[in-house]
C-alpha atoms as a PDB file:
ATOM      1  CA  MET A   1      17.249  -7.007  20.780  1.00  0.00           C
ATOM      2  CA  GLN A   2      17.259 -10.065  18.551  1.00  0.00           C
ATOM      3  CA  ARG A   3      15.965  -9.682  15.023  1.00  0.00           C
ATOM      4  CA  THR A   4      13.543 -12.235  13.651  1.00  0.00           C
ATOM      5  CA  PRO A   5      14.483 -13.814  10.327  1.00  0.00           C
ATOM      6  CA  PHE A   6      12.963 -12.158   7.252  1.00  0.00           C
ATOM      7  CA  SER A   7      10.161 -14.009   5.479  1.00  0.00           C
ATOM      8  CA  ARG A   8       8.763 -13.525   1.977  1.00  0.00           C
ATOM      9  CA  GLN A   9       5.431 -14.929   3.198  1.00  0.00           C
ATOM     10  CA  ILE A  10       2.601 -12.479   3.823  1.00  0.00           C
ATOM     11  CA  PRO A  11       2.207 -12.153   7.602  1.00  0.00           C
ATOM     12  CA  THR A  12      -0.817 -14.122   8.809  1.00  0.00           C
ATOM     13  CA  ALA A  13      -1.998 -11.095  10.804  1.00  0.00           C
ATOM     14  CA  LEU A  14      -2.783  -9.455   7.427  1.00  0.00           C
ATOM     15  CA  LYS A  15      -5.144 -12.263   6.382  1.00  0.00           C
ATOM     16  CA  PRO A  16      -8.330 -10.296   7.314  1.00  0.00           C
ATOM     17  CA  PHE A  17      -7.344  -7.629   4.795  1.00  0.00           C
ATOM     18  CA  PHE A  18      -7.154 -10.163   1.939  1.00  0.00           C
ATOM     19  CA  GLN A  19     -10.565 -11.753   2.547  1.00  0.00           C
ATOM     20  CA  GLU A  20     -11.390 -12.145  -1.137  1.00  0.00           C
ATOM     21  CA  TYR A  21      -8.083 -13.950  -1.820  1.00  0.00           C
ATOM     22  CA  ASP A  22      -6.468 -17.197  -0.781  1.00  0.00           C
ATOM     23  CA  ILE A  23      -3.466 -15.670   0.970  1.00  0.00           C
ATOM     24  CA  SER A  24      -1.363 -18.796   0.362  1.00  0.00           C
ATOM     25  CA  ARG A  25      -1.775 -18.340  -3.417  1.00  0.00           C
ATOM     26  CA  LEU A  26      -0.690 -14.705  -3.521  1.00  0.00           C
ATOM     27  CA  ASP A  27       2.733 -14.243  -5.070  1.00  0.00           C
ATOM     28  CA  VAL A  28       4.890 -11.406  -3.721  1.00  0.00           C
ATOM     29  CA  THR A  29       6.157 -10.613  -7.237  1.00  0.00           C
ATOM     30  CA  ARG A  30       2.994 -11.002  -9.306  1.00  0.00           C
ATOM     31  CA  ASP A  31       0.674  -9.439  -6.702  1.00  0.00           C
ATOM     32  CA  ALA A  32       3.055  -6.744  -5.471  1.00  0.00           C
ATOM     33  CA  ASN A  33       0.685  -3.802  -6.060  1.00  0.00           C
ATOM     34  CA  LEU A  34      -2.149  -5.486  -4.170  1.00  0.00           C
ATOM     35  CA  ILE A  35       0.111  -6.414  -1.261  1.00  0.00           C
ATOM     36  CA  ILE A  36       1.647  -2.937  -1.085  1.00  0.00           C
ATOM     37  CA  GLN A  37      -1.797  -1.312  -1.165  1.00  0.00           C
ATOM     38  CA  ARG A  38      -3.243  -3.457   1.623  1.00  0.00           C
ATOM     39  CA  VAL A  39      -0.225  -3.150   3.911  1.00  0.00           C
ATOM     40  CA  LEU A  40       0.103   0.632   3.473  1.00  0.00           C
ATOM     41  CA  GLU A  41      -3.617   0.972   4.156  1.00  0.00           C
ATOM     42  CA  PHE A  42      -4.091  -1.480   7.038  1.00  0.00           C
ATOM     43  CA  GLY A  43      -0.702  -2.733   8.269  1.00  0.00           C
ATOM     44  CA  THR A  44       0.841  -2.272  11.695  1.00  0.00           C
ATOM     45  CA  TRP A  45       4.336  -0.835  12.009  1.00  0.00           C
ATOM     46  CA  ASP A  46       5.821  -4.344  12.111  1.00  0.00           C
ATOM     47  CA  GLU A  47       3.990  -5.228   8.881  1.00  0.00           C
ATOM     48  CA  ILE A  48       5.097  -1.934   7.303  1.00  0.00           C
ATOM     49  CA  ARG A  49       8.716  -2.803   8.203  1.00  0.00           C
ATOM     50  CA  TRP A  50       8.208  -6.222   6.579  1.00  0.00           C
ATOM     51  CA  LEU A  51       6.819  -4.502   3.468  1.00  0.00           C
ATOM     52  CA  PHE A  52       9.815  -2.166   3.175  1.00  0.00           C
ATOM     53  CA  GLU A  53      12.232  -5.068   3.644  1.00  0.00           C
ATOM     54  CA  LEU A  54      10.445  -7.056   0.960  1.00  0.00           C
ATOM     55  CA  TYR A  55       9.945  -4.363  -1.693  1.00  0.00           C
ATOM     56  CA  ARG A  56      12.315  -1.568  -0.667  1.00  0.00           C
ATOM     57  CA  SER A  57      11.453   2.106  -0.808  1.00  0.00           C
ATOM     58  CA  LYS A  58      11.999   2.413  -4.581  1.00  0.00           C
ATOM     59  CA  ARG A  59       9.292  -0.164  -5.433  1.00  0.00           C
ATOM     60  CA  ILE A  60       6.820   1.277  -2.924  1.00  0.00           C
ATOM     61  CA  ARG A  61       7.395   4.767  -4.306  1.00  0.00           C
ATOM     62  CA  LEU A  62       6.731   3.404  -7.811  1.00  0.00           C
ATOM     63  CA  PHE A  63       3.391   2.034  -6.594  1.00  0.00           C
ATOM     64  CA  LEU A  64       2.472   5.355  -4.970  1.00  0.00           C
ATOM     65  CA  ARG A  65       3.329   7.314  -8.125  1.00  0.00           C
ATOM     66  CA  GLY A  66       1.377   5.009 -10.438  1.00  0.00           C
ATOM     67  CA  HIS A  67      -1.548   3.771  -8.354  1.00  0.00           C
ATOM     68  CA  GLY A  68      -1.537   5.474  -4.961  1.00  0.00           C
ATOM     69  CA  GLU A  69      -4.105   8.177  -5.597  1.00  0.00           C
ATOM     70  CA  ARG A  70      -6.620   5.666  -6.988  1.00  0.00           C
ATOM     71  CA  TRP A  71      -5.931   2.623  -4.799  1.00  0.00           C
ATOM     72  CA  LEU A  72      -5.483   4.240  -1.378  1.00  0.00           C
ATOM     73  CA  LYS A  73      -7.779   6.364   0.747  1.00  0.00           C
ATOM     74  CA  PRO A  74      -6.882  10.056   0.321  1.00  0.00           C
ATOM     75  CA  VAL A  75      -5.561  10.387   3.880  1.00  0.00           C
ATOM     76  CA  THR A  76      -3.388   7.270   3.473  1.00  0.00           C
ATOM     77  CA  PHE A  77      -2.079   8.349   0.080  1.00  0.00           C
ATOM     78  CA  ASN A  78      -1.179  11.830   1.332  1.00  0.00           C
ATOM     79  CA  TYR A  79       0.512  10.444   4.438  1.00  0.00           C
ATOM     80  CA  TRP A  80       2.804   8.108   2.479  1.00  0.00           C
ATOM     81  CA  ARG A  81       3.329  10.618  -0.322  1.00  0.00           C
ATOM     82  CA  LYS A  82       4.567  13.234   2.114  1.00  0.00           C
ATOM     83  CA  LEU A  83       6.558  10.778   4.208  1.00  0.00           C
ATOM     84  CA  LEU A  84       8.422   9.459   1.132  1.00  0.00           C
ATOM     85  CA  GLY A  85       8.766  12.887  -0.527  1.00  0.00           C
ATOM     86  CA  ILE A  86       6.728  12.099  -3.650  1.00  0.00           C
ATOM     87  CA  ARG A  87       5.924  15.289  -5.531  1.00  0.00           C
ATOM     88  CA  ARG A  88       4.656  13.918  -8.860  1.00  0.00           C
ATOM     89  CA  TRP A  89       2.195  11.081  -9.397  1.00  0.00           C
ATOM     90  CA  LYS A  90      -0.388   9.827 -11.863  1.00  0.00           C
ATOM     91  CA  LYS A  91      -3.562  11.808 -11.247  1.00  0.00           C
ATOM     92  CA  HIS A  92      -6.932  10.109 -10.959  1.00  0.00           C
ATOM     93  CA  PRO A  93      -8.748  10.618 -14.287  1.00  0.00           C
ATOM     94  CA  PHE A  94     -12.142  11.154 -12.639  1.00  0.00           C
ATOM     95  CA  SER A  95     -11.246  13.283  -9.660  1.00  0.00           C
ATOM     96  CA  ILE A  96     -14.070  15.236  -8.100  1.00  0.00           C
ATOM     97  CA  THR A  97     -14.011  18.258  -5.864  1.00  0.00           C
ATOM     98  CA  LYS A  98     -15.469  18.421  -2.363  1.00  0.00           C
ATOM     99  CA  ARG A  99     -18.124  20.773  -3.694  1.00  0.00           C
ATOM    100  CA  GLU A 100     -19.367  18.090  -6.139  1.00  0.00           C
ATOM    101  CA  VAL A 101     -19.598  15.515  -3.362  1.00  0.00           C
ATOM    102  CA  TRP A 102     -21.748  17.739  -1.192  1.00  0.00           C
ATOM    103  CA  LYS A 103     -24.187  18.712  -3.995  1.00  0.00           C
ATOM    104  CA  ASN A 104     -26.094  15.430  -3.710  1.00  0.00           C
END
């Protein structure tokens, strides 16, 4: 199996998940948290592989610890947290319980 060359460009298949941005103006260093969030949330396995090649596990774990609970859907955050063995993270300051959600 021949490997395709690595690119620092955001894969064009991810464009629908950056609708409010001009994807050509996003910078992989400056906009790392946004890119990590969108790919973890919506990316295919090929795009996830690209993400891990670009940022490495250490940087993605840093995002999950600092922003994951607030920026990702709960199911997505818990999936990646468990997969990468993250036990401590910054808690959401306004977390609500299921009971509070169902009161309305």
